[in-house]
Amino acid sequence: PGIRGISSRIRVRSIVGRFLEHSR
């Protein structure tokens, strides 16, 4: 993400906590 002219409008986050995030 975040490459000018290629992916500048894409944001990626990861959340790791007590429960395993599994829903799509």
PDB file of all heavy atoms in Angstrom:
ATOM      1  N   PRO A   1       0.821  -1.214   0.000  1.00  0.00           N
ATOM      2  CA  PRO A   1       0.000   0.000   0.000  1.00  0.00           C
ATOM      3  C   PRO A   1       0.856   1.266   0.000  1.00  0.00           C
ATOM      4  O   PRO A   1       2.062   1.226   0.264  1.00  0.00           O
ATOM      5  CB  PRO A   1      -0.764  -0.119   1.313  1.00  0.00           C
ATOM      6  CG  PRO A   1       0.212  -0.810   2.224  1.00  0.00           C
ATOM      7  CD  PRO A   1       0.984  -1.770   1.344  1.00  0.00           C
ATOM      8  N   GLY A   2       0.215   2.382  -0.308  1.00  0.00           N
ATOM      9  CA  GLY A   2       0.847   3.681  -0.126  1.00  0.00           C
ATOM     10  C   GLY A   2       1.905   4.059  -1.131  1.00  0.00           C
ATOM     11  O   GLY A   2       2.693   4.974  -0.882  1.00  0.00           O
ATOM     12  N   ILE A   3       1.950   3.391  -2.295  1.00  0.00           N
ATOM     13  CA  ILE A   3       2.914   3.762  -3.327  1.00  0.00           C
ATOM     14  C   ILE A   3       2.267   4.799  -4.243  1.00  0.00           C
ATOM     15  O   ILE A   3       1.203   4.555  -4.821  1.00  0.00           O
ATOM     16  CB  ILE A   3       3.356   2.539  -4.151  1.00  0.00           C
ATOM     17  CG1 ILE A   3       4.007   1.492  -3.242  1.00  0.00           C
ATOM     18  CG2 ILE A   3       4.325   2.946  -5.245  1.00  0.00           C
ATOM     19  CD1 ILE A   3       4.382   0.218  -3.971  1.00  0.00           C
ATOM     20  N   ARG A   4       2.911   5.937  -4.377  1.00  0.00           N
ATOM     21  CA  ARG A   4       2.346   7.026  -5.171  1.00  0.00           C
ATOM     22  C   ARG A   4       2.129   6.571  -6.611  1.00  0.00           C
ATOM     23  O   ARG A   4       3.003   5.991  -7.249  1.00  0.00           O
ATOM     24  CB  ARG A   4       3.276   8.240  -5.148  1.00  0.00           C
ATOM     25  CG  ARG A   4       2.745   9.446  -5.910  1.00  0.00           C
ATOM     26  CD  ARG A   4       3.693  10.622  -5.821  1.00  0.00           C
ATOM     27  NE  ARG A   4       3.872  11.060  -4.447  1.00  0.00           N
ATOM     28  CZ  ARG A   4       4.680  12.067  -4.092  1.00  0.00           C
ATOM     29  NH1 ARG A   4       5.386  12.712  -5.023  1.00  0.00           N
ATOM     30  NH2 ARG A   4       4.790  12.414  -2.832  1.00  0.00           N
ATOM     31  N   GLY A   5       0.929   6.839  -7.107  1.00  0.00           N
ATOM     32  CA  GLY A   5       0.591   6.494  -8.478  1.00  0.00           C
ATOM     33  C   GLY A   5       0.201   5.050  -8.696  1.00  0.00           C
ATOM     34  O   GLY A   5      -0.234   4.680  -9.786  1.00  0.00           O
ATOM     35  N   ILE A   6       0.345   4.230  -7.659  1.00  0.00           N
ATOM     36  CA  ILE A   6       0.011   2.804  -7.798  1.00  0.00           C
ATOM     37  C   ILE A   6      -1.017   2.371  -6.756  1.00  0.00           C
ATOM     38  O   ILE A   6      -2.065   1.820  -7.089  1.00  0.00           O
ATOM     39  CB  ILE A   6       1.275   1.927  -7.689  1.00  0.00           C
ATOM     40  CG1 ILE A   6       2.240   2.253  -8.827  1.00  0.00           C
ATOM     41  CG2 ILE A   6       0.905   0.434  -7.701  1.00  0.00           C
ATOM     42  CD1 ILE A   6       3.543   1.491  -8.763  1.00  0.00           C
ATOM     43  N   SER A   7      -0.697   2.621  -5.492  1.00  0.00           N
ATOM     44  CA  SER A   7      -1.577   2.144  -4.417  1.00  0.00           C
ATOM     45  C   SER A   7      -1.763   3.195  -3.326  1.00  0.00           C
ATOM     46  O   SER A   7      -1.928   2.860  -2.159  1.00  0.00           O
ATOM     47  CB  SER A   7      -1.005   0.859  -3.807  1.00  0.00           C
ATOM     48  OG  SER A   7       0.313   1.092  -3.305  1.00  0.00           O
ATOM     49  N   SER A   8      -1.740   4.468  -3.710  1.00  0.00           N
ATOM     50  CA  SER A   8      -1.801   5.544  -2.718  1.00  0.00           C
ATOM     51  C   SER A   8      -3.142   5.610  -1.991  1.00  0.00           C
ATOM     52  O   SER A   8      -3.240   6.203  -0.917  1.00  0.00           O
ATOM     53  CB  SER A   8      -1.510   6.891  -3.384  1.00  0.00           C
ATOM     54  OG  SER A   8      -2.418   7.137  -4.441  1.00  0.00           O
ATOM     55  N   ARG A   9      -4.183   5.012  -2.569  1.00  0.00           N
ATOM     56  CA  ARG A   9      -5.505   5.043  -1.937  1.00  0.00           C
ATOM     57  C   ARG A   9      -5.820   3.742  -1.195  1.00  0.00           C
ATOM     58  O   ARG A   9      -6.957   3.521  -0.809  1.00  0.00           O
ATOM     59  CB  ARG A   9      -6.584   5.324  -2.987  1.00  0.00           C
ATOM     60  CG  ARG A   9      -6.543   6.747  -3.542  1.00  0.00           C
ATOM     61  CD  ARG A   9      -7.712   6.991  -4.498  1.00  0.00           C
ATOM     62  NE  ARG A   9      -7.768   8.386  -4.892  1.00  0.00           N
ATOM     63  CZ  ARG A   9      -7.120   8.912  -5.932  1.00  0.00           C
ATOM     64  NH1 ARG A   9      -6.332   8.130  -6.666  1.00  0.00           N
ATOM     65  NH2 ARG A   9      -7.235  10.199  -6.224  1.00  0.00           N
ATOM     66  N   ILE A  10      -4.821   2.894  -1.027  1.00  0.00           N
ATOM     67  CA  ILE A  10      -5.033   1.621  -0.344  1.00  0.00           C
ATOM     68  C   ILE A  10      -4.385   1.672   1.038  1.00  0.00           C
ATOM     69  O   ILE A  10      -3.221   2.055   1.180  1.00  0.00           O
ATOM     70  CB  ILE A  10      -4.441   0.443  -1.134  1.00  0.00           C
ATOM     71  CG1 ILE A  10      -5.039   0.394  -2.549  1.00  0.00           C
ATOM     72  CG2 ILE A  10      -4.720  -0.877  -0.409  1.00  0.00           C
ATOM     73  CD1 ILE A  10      -4.475  -0.719  -3.413  1.00  0.00           C
ATOM     74  N   ARG A  11      -5.158   1.292   2.050  1.00  0.00           N
ATOM     75  CA  ARG A  11      -4.662   1.221   3.426  1.00  0.00           C
ATOM     76  C   ARG A  11      -4.848  -0.214   3.929  1.00  0.00           C
ATOM     77  O   ARG A  11      -5.895  -0.820   3.685  1.00  0.00           O
ATOM     78  CB  ARG A  11      -5.438   2.203   4.317  1.00  0.00           C
ATOM     79  CG  ARG A  11      -5.247   3.658   3.907  1.00  0.00           C
ATOM     80  CD  ARG A  11      -6.299   4.568   4.478  1.00  0.00           C
ATOM     81  NE  ARG A  11      -7.609   4.297   3.892  1.00  0.00           N
ATOM     82  CZ  ARG A  11      -8.026   4.802   2.730  1.00  0.00           C
ATOM     83  NH1 ARG A  11      -7.230   5.586   2.022  1.00  0.00           N
ATOM     84  NH2 ARG A  11      -9.230   4.518   2.275  1.00  0.00           N
ATOM     85  N   VAL A  12      -3.837  -0.734   4.596  1.00  0.00           N
ATOM     86  CA  VAL A  12      -3.871  -2.113   5.088  1.00  0.00           C
ATOM     87  C   VAL A  12      -3.586  -2.119   6.579  1.00  0.00           C
ATOM     88  O   VAL A  12      -2.593  -1.526   7.030  1.00  0.00           O
ATOM     89  CB  VAL A  12      -2.838  -3.001   4.360  1.00  0.00           C
ATOM     90  CG1 VAL A  12      -2.925  -4.444   4.872  1.00  0.00           C
ATOM     91  CG2 VAL A  12      -3.060  -2.963   2.858  1.00  0.00           C
ATOM     92  N   ARG A  13      -4.439  -2.767   7.347  1.00  0.00           N
ATOM     93  CA  ARG A  13      -4.210  -2.913   8.791  1.00  0.00           C
ATOM     94  C   ARG A  13      -4.421  -4.360   9.214  1.00  0.00           C
ATOM     95  O   ARG A  13      -5.182  -5.097   8.588  1.00  0.00           O
ATOM     96  CB  ARG A  13      -5.123  -1.983   9.586  1.00  0.00           C
ATOM     97  CG  ARG A  13      -6.613  -2.171   9.347  1.00  0.00           C
ATOM     98  CD  ARG A  13      -7.463  -1.356  10.308  1.00  0.00           C
ATOM     99  NE  ARG A  13      -6.970  -0.013  10.471  1.00  0.00           N
ATOM    100  CZ  ARG A  13      -7.115   0.713  11.593  1.00  0.00           C
ATOM    101  NH1 ARG A  13      -7.751   0.198  12.638  1.00  0.00           N
ATOM    102  NH2 ARG A  13      -6.645   1.934  11.678  1.00  0.00           N
ATOM    103  N   SER A  14      -3.751  -4.733  10.261  1.00  0.00           N
ATOM    104  CA  SER A  14      -3.880  -6.068  10.837  1.00  0.00           C
ATOM    105  C   SER A  14      -4.242  -5.925  12.303  1.00  0.00           C
ATOM    106  O   SER A  14      -3.672  -5.083  13.009  1.00  0.00           O
ATOM    107  CB  SER A  14      -2.565  -6.839  10.691  1.00  0.00           C
ATOM    108  OG  SER A  14      -2.614  -8.059  11.401  1.00  0.00           O
ATOM    109  N   ILE A  15      -5.192  -6.727  12.764  1.00  0.00           N
ATOM    110  CA  ILE A  15      -5.601  -6.688  14.172  1.00  0.00           C
ATOM    111  C   ILE A  15      -5.419  -8.082  14.763  1.00  0.00           C
ATOM    112  O   ILE A  15      -6.040  -9.045  14.306  1.00  0.00           O
ATOM    113  CB  ILE A  15      -7.052  -6.222  14.319  1.00  0.00           C
ATOM    114  CG1 ILE A  15      -7.187  -4.772  13.820  1.00  0.00           C
ATOM    115  CG2 ILE A  15      -7.512  -6.333  15.771  1.00  0.00           C
ATOM    116  CD1 ILE A  15      -8.600  -4.258  13.781  1.00  0.00           C
ATOM    117  N   VAL A  16      -4.547  -8.174  15.739  1.00  0.00           N
ATOM    118  CA  VAL A  16      -4.291  -9.433  16.431  1.00  0.00           C
ATOM    119  C   VAL A  16      -4.539  -9.205  17.912  1.00  0.00           C
ATOM    120  O   VAL A  16      -3.894  -8.353  18.533  1.00  0.00           O
ATOM    121  CB  VAL A  16      -2.847  -9.922  16.204  1.00  0.00           C
ATOM    122  CG1 VAL A  16      -2.603 -11.221  16.963  1.00  0.00           C
ATOM    123  CG2 VAL A  16      -2.586 -10.124  14.716  1.00  0.00           C
ATOM    124  N   GLY A  17      -5.495  -9.925  18.464  1.00  0.00           N
ATOM    125  CA  GLY A  17      -5.854  -9.733  19.868  1.00  0.00           C
ATOM    126  C   GLY A  17      -6.189 -11.044  20.542  1.00  0.00           C
ATOM    127  O   GLY A  17      -5.731 -12.125  20.138  1.00  0.00           O
ATOM    128  N   ARG A  18      -7.027 -10.954  21.548  1.00  0.00           N
ATOM    129  CA  ARG A  18      -7.383 -12.125  22.345  1.00  0.00           C
ATOM    130  C   ARG A  18      -8.071 -13.201  21.498  1.00  0.00           C
ATOM    131  O   ARG A  18      -7.826 -14.396  21.674  1.00  0.00           O
ATOM    132  CB  ARG A  18      -8.312 -11.690  23.491  1.00  0.00           C
ATOM    133  CG  ARG A  18      -8.913 -12.841  24.275  1.00  0.00           C
ATOM    134  CD  ARG A  18      -9.794 -12.320  25.403  1.00  0.00           C
ATOM    135  NE  ARG A  18     -10.517 -13.374  26.068  1.00  0.00           N
ATOM    136  CZ  ARG A  18     -11.373 -13.191  27.063  1.00  0.00           C
ATOM    137  NH1 ARG A  18     -11.578 -11.961  27.511  1.00  0.00           N
ATOM    138  NH2 ARG A  18     -12.002 -14.199  27.618  1.00  0.00           N
ATOM    139  N   PHE A  19      -8.928 -12.775  20.590  1.00  0.00           N
ATOM    140  CA  PHE A  19      -9.643 -13.701  19.719  1.00  0.00           C
ATOM    141  C   PHE A  19      -9.034 -13.679  18.324  1.00  0.00           C
ATOM    142  O   PHE A  19      -8.576 -12.639  17.851  1.00  0.00           O
ATOM    143  CB  PHE A  19     -11.127 -13.336  19.653  1.00  0.00           C
ATOM    144  CG  PHE A  19     -11.824 -13.463  20.971  1.00  0.00           C
ATOM    145  CD1 PHE A  19     -12.079 -12.346  21.747  1.00  0.00           C
ATOM    146  CD2 PHE A  19     -12.209 -14.701  21.457  1.00  0.00           C
ATOM    147  CE1 PHE A  19     -12.709 -12.453  22.972  1.00  0.00           C
ATOM    148  CE2 PHE A  19     -12.827 -14.826  22.684  1.00  0.00           C
ATOM    149  CZ  PHE A  19     -13.087 -13.699  23.453  1.00  0.00           C
ATOM    150  N   LEU A  20      -9.069 -14.837  17.658  1.00  0.00           N
ATOM    151  CA  LEU A  20      -8.511 -14.928  16.324  1.00  0.00           C
ATOM    152  C   LEU A  20      -9.534 -14.390  15.318  1.00  0.00           C
ATOM    153  O   LEU A  20     -10.625 -14.942  15.179  1.00  0.00           O
ATOM    154  CB  LEU A  20      -8.148 -16.375  15.994  1.00  0.00           C
ATOM    155  CG  LEU A  20      -7.396 -16.577  14.684  1.00  0.00           C
ATOM    156  CD1 LEU A  20      -6.347 -17.654  14.833  1.00  0.00           C
ATOM    157  CD2 LEU A  20      -8.336 -16.918  13.547  1.00  0.00           C
ATOM    158  N   GLU A  21      -9.178 -13.297  14.652  1.00  0.00           N
ATOM    159  CA  GLU A  21     -10.064 -12.700  13.652  1.00  0.00           C
ATOM    160  C   GLU A  21     -10.190 -13.649  12.464  1.00  0.00           C
ATOM    161  O   GLU A  21      -9.220 -13.939  11.783  1.00  0.00           O
ATOM    162  CB  GLU A  21      -9.509 -11.343  13.203  1.00  0.00           C
ATOM    163  CG  GLU A  21      -9.548 -10.275  14.271  1.00  0.00           C
ATOM    164  CD  GLU A  21     -10.967  -9.902  14.666  1.00  0.00           C
ATOM    165  OE1 GLU A  21     -11.906 -10.169  13.884  1.00  0.00           O
ATOM    166  OE2 GLU A  21     -11.153  -9.353  15.771  1.00  0.00           O
ATOM    167  N   HIS A  22     -11.399 -14.122  12.231  1.00  0.00           N
ATOM    168  CA  HIS A  22     -11.588 -15.171  11.238  1.00  0.00           C
ATOM    169  C   HIS A  22     -12.670 -14.855  10.218  1.00  0.00           C
ATOM    170  O   HIS A  22     -12.762 -15.520   9.187  1.00  0.00           O
ATOM    171  CB  HIS A  22     -11.933 -16.480  11.965  1.00  0.00           C
ATOM    172  CG  HIS A  22     -11.697 -17.709  11.171  1.00  0.00           C
ATOM    173  ND1 HIS A  22     -12.710 -18.566  10.802  1.00  0.00           N
ATOM    174  CD2 HIS A  22     -10.559 -18.233  10.658  1.00  0.00           C
ATOM    175  CE1 HIS A  22     -12.203 -19.573  10.112  1.00  0.00           C
ATOM    176  NE2 HIS A  22     -10.909 -19.402  10.008  1.00  0.00           N
ATOM    177  N   SER A  23     -13.509 -13.856  10.476  1.00  0.00           N
ATOM    178  CA  SER A  23     -14.603 -13.540   9.564  1.00  0.00           C
ATOM    179  C   SER A  23     -14.084 -12.859   8.304  1.00  0.00           C
ATOM    180  O   SER A  23     -13.125 -12.084   8.341  1.00  0.00           O
ATOM    181  CB  SER A  23     -15.634 -12.645  10.254  1.00  0.00           C
ATOM    182  OG  SER A  23     -15.034 -11.465  10.721  1.00  0.00           O
ATOM    183  N   ARG A  24     -14.715 -13.183   7.197  1.00  0.00           N
ATOM    184  CA  ARG A  24     -14.385 -12.545   5.923  1.00  0.00           C
ATOM    185  C   ARG A  24     -15.576 -11.696   5.492  1.00  0.00           C
ATOM    186  O   ARG A  24     -16.700 -12.205   5.354  1.00  0.00           O
ATOM    187  CB  ARG A  24     -14.090 -13.577   4.825  1.00  0.00           C
ATOM    188  CG  ARG A  24     -12.743 -14.276   4.975  1.00  0.00           C
ATOM    189  CD  ARG A  24     -12.781 -15.417   5.914  1.00  0.00           C
ATOM    190  NE  ARG A  24     -11.597 -16.272   5.762  1.00  0.00           N
ATOM    191  CZ  ARG A  24     -11.478 -17.454   6.344  1.00  0.00           C
ATOM    192  NH1 ARG A  24     -12.437 -17.921   7.108  1.00  0.00           N
ATOM    193  NH2 ARG A  24     -10.395 -18.175   6.165  1.00  0.00           N
TER     194      ARG A  24
END
